[in-house]
Amino acid sequence: MTMASSSSRGIGVNRHGPMAEITINEGLAWLKTLKKRHEELLALRNDNAYRGRRFYGASADKEIVKEPVYDVKVLDRLVTRVAREIRLLEQALKATNAKTTIDSYQQDDAVLGELS
């Protein structure tokens, strides 16, 4: 996906620096990417979030120790941040759709037909 230059589109600024305004189509593609990343992070958090110790073998002399690989608090913040971004983007897309008219289409209720 190529981004238009800043001269053809407005550039906003957030706390992370400049951000380009995007089209609805780009927004839907970005939403799909965010949701996929959120799924990946949730799976990683669920797999990473516990310390476990299992003993196995005939006399339980062997053990498997599972320690978190990533900082649980940092991972949780990232999951929350991506979830918030998804929510904000969905709200913005819905607000934009509510204001956008459909080109080259006139609604005609007569199409539904009326039985007498």
Protein backbone atom coordinates (compact mmCIF):
# COMPACT_ATOMS: atom_id res chain seq x y z
CA MET A 1 0.00 0.00 0.00
CA THR A 2 1.47 3.31 -0.99
CA MET A 3 0.83 6.47 0.94
CA ALA A 4 0.12 9.78 -0.75
CA SER A 5 2.48 12.63 -0.10
CA SER A 6 1.73 15.10 2.66
CA SER A 7 0.81 17.76 0.08
CA SER A 8 -2.21 15.75 -1.15
CA ARG A 9 -3.48 14.81 2.30
CA GLY A 10 -3.70 16.40 5.69
CA ILE A 11 -1.09 15.50 8.23
CA GLY A 12 -2.08 15.27 11.86
CA VAL A 13 0.18 14.99 14.87
CA ASN A 14 -0.16 12.68 17.83
CA ARG A 15 2.14 12.02 20.77
CA HIS A 16 4.23 9.66 18.64
CA GLY A 17 4.85 12.23 15.89
CA PRO A 18 3.27 13.07 12.53
CA MET A 19 0.52 10.83 11.22
CA ALA A 20 -1.15 10.91 7.81
CA GLU A 21 -4.89 11.00 7.36
CA ILE A 22 -6.05 7.88 5.56
CA THR A 23 -8.89 6.89 3.25
CA ILE A 24 -11.70 4.58 4.30
CA ASN A 25 -10.15 1.78 2.25
CA GLU A 26 -6.77 2.27 3.92
CA GLY A 27 -8.52 2.43 7.27
CA LEU A 28 -10.22 -0.91 6.66
CA ALA A 29 -6.90 -2.48 5.65
CA TRP A 30 -5.22 -1.00 8.75
CA LEU A 31 -8.08 -2.32 10.92
CA LYS A 32 -7.50 -5.81 9.55
CA THR A 33 -3.78 -5.52 10.36
CA LEU A 34 -4.52 -4.26 13.88
CA LYS A 35 -6.94 -7.11 14.57
CA LYS A 36 -4.41 -9.71 13.37
CA ARG A 37 -1.69 -8.18 15.55
CA HIS A 38 -4.10 -8.13 18.51
CA GLU A 39 -4.79 -11.86 18.03
CA GLU A 40 -1.05 -12.58 17.90
CA LEU A 41 -0.38 -10.55 21.04
CA LEU A 42 -3.23 -12.22 22.93
CA ALA A 43 -1.86 -15.66 22.03
CA LEU A 44 1.63 -14.58 23.07
CA ARG A 45 0.33 -13.12 26.35
CA ASN A 46 -1.67 -16.25 27.13
CA ASP A 47 1.31 -18.49 26.41
CA ASN A 48 3.75 -16.24 28.24
CA ALA A 49 1.71 -15.21 31.27
CA TYR A 50 2.49 -17.98 33.70
CA ARG A 51 5.32 -19.73 35.44
CA GLY A 52 4.94 -23.45 35.36
CA ARG A 53 6.78 -26.44 36.66
CA ARG A 54 5.87 -29.98 35.68
CA PHE A 55 7.44 -33.16 36.87
CA TYR A 56 7.35 -36.27 34.73
CA GLY A 57 8.94 -39.63 34.45
CA ALA A 58 8.37 -42.84 36.37
CA SER A 59 9.63 -41.38 39.64
CA ALA A 60 8.97 -37.72 38.77
CA ASP A 61 12.69 -37.13 38.53
CA LYS A 62 12.48 -35.05 35.36
CA GLU A 63 11.04 -31.58 35.30
CA ILE A 64 9.94 -28.95 32.78
CA VAL A 65 10.15 -25.37 33.96
CA LYS A 66 8.33 -22.74 31.92
CA GLU A 67 9.26 -19.13 32.67
CA PRO A 68 7.81 -16.03 30.97
CA VAL A 69 9.94 -14.92 28.04
CA TYR A 70 8.61 -11.35 27.89
CA ASP A 71 7.80 -8.83 30.58
CA VAL A 72 4.15 -9.53 31.37
CA LYS A 73 3.31 -5.90 32.20
CA VAL A 74 4.86 -4.55 28.99
CA LEU A 75 3.09 -7.20 26.91
CA ASP A 76 -0.24 -6.43 28.60
CA ARG A 77 0.20 -2.69 27.91
CA LEU A 78 0.87 -3.44 24.25
CA VAL A 79 -2.25 -5.65 24.00
CA THR A 80 -4.32 -2.88 25.61
CA ARG A 81 -2.86 -0.22 23.32
CA VAL A 82 -3.63 -2.21 20.17
CA ALA A 83 -7.18 -2.94 21.42
CA ARG A 84 -7.71 0.78 22.07
CA GLU A 85 -6.43 1.66 18.60
CA ILE A 86 -8.87 -0.86 17.07
CA ARG A 87 -11.74 0.71 19.01
CA LEU A 88 -10.78 4.26 17.99
CA LEU A 89 -10.39 3.32 14.33
CA GLU A 90 -13.75 1.50 14.28
CA GLN A 91 -15.44 4.56 15.82
CA ALA A 92 -13.79 6.88 13.30
CA LEU A 93 -14.78 4.66 10.36
CA LYS A 94 -18.39 4.53 11.55
CA ALA A 95 -18.53 8.30 12.02
CA THR A 96 -17.08 8.83 8.54
CA ASN A 97 -19.50 6.37 6.97
CA ALA A 98 -22.41 8.17 8.62
CA LYS A 99 -21.42 11.39 6.79
CA THR A 100 -20.50 9.88 3.42
CA THR A 101 -23.05 9.64 0.61
CA ILE A 102 -23.06 6.90 -2.00
CA ASP A 103 -22.15 8.12 -5.49
CA SER A 104 -24.45 7.41 -8.45
CA TYR A 105 -27.26 5.76 -6.48
CA GLN A 106 -30.76 6.92 -5.62
CA GLN A 107 -32.79 4.91 -3.11
CA ASP A 108 -36.15 3.84 -4.54
CA ASP A 109 -38.58 2.24 -2.10
CA ALA A 110 -40.83 1.19 -5.01
CA VAL A 111 -38.27 -1.52 -5.79
CA LEU A 112 -39.47 -3.38 -2.71
CA GLY A 113 -42.85 -3.81 -4.36
CA GLU A 114 -46.30 -3.65 -2.83
CA LEU A 115 -48.82 -6.47 -2.98
CA SER A 116 -52.47 -5.51 -3.21
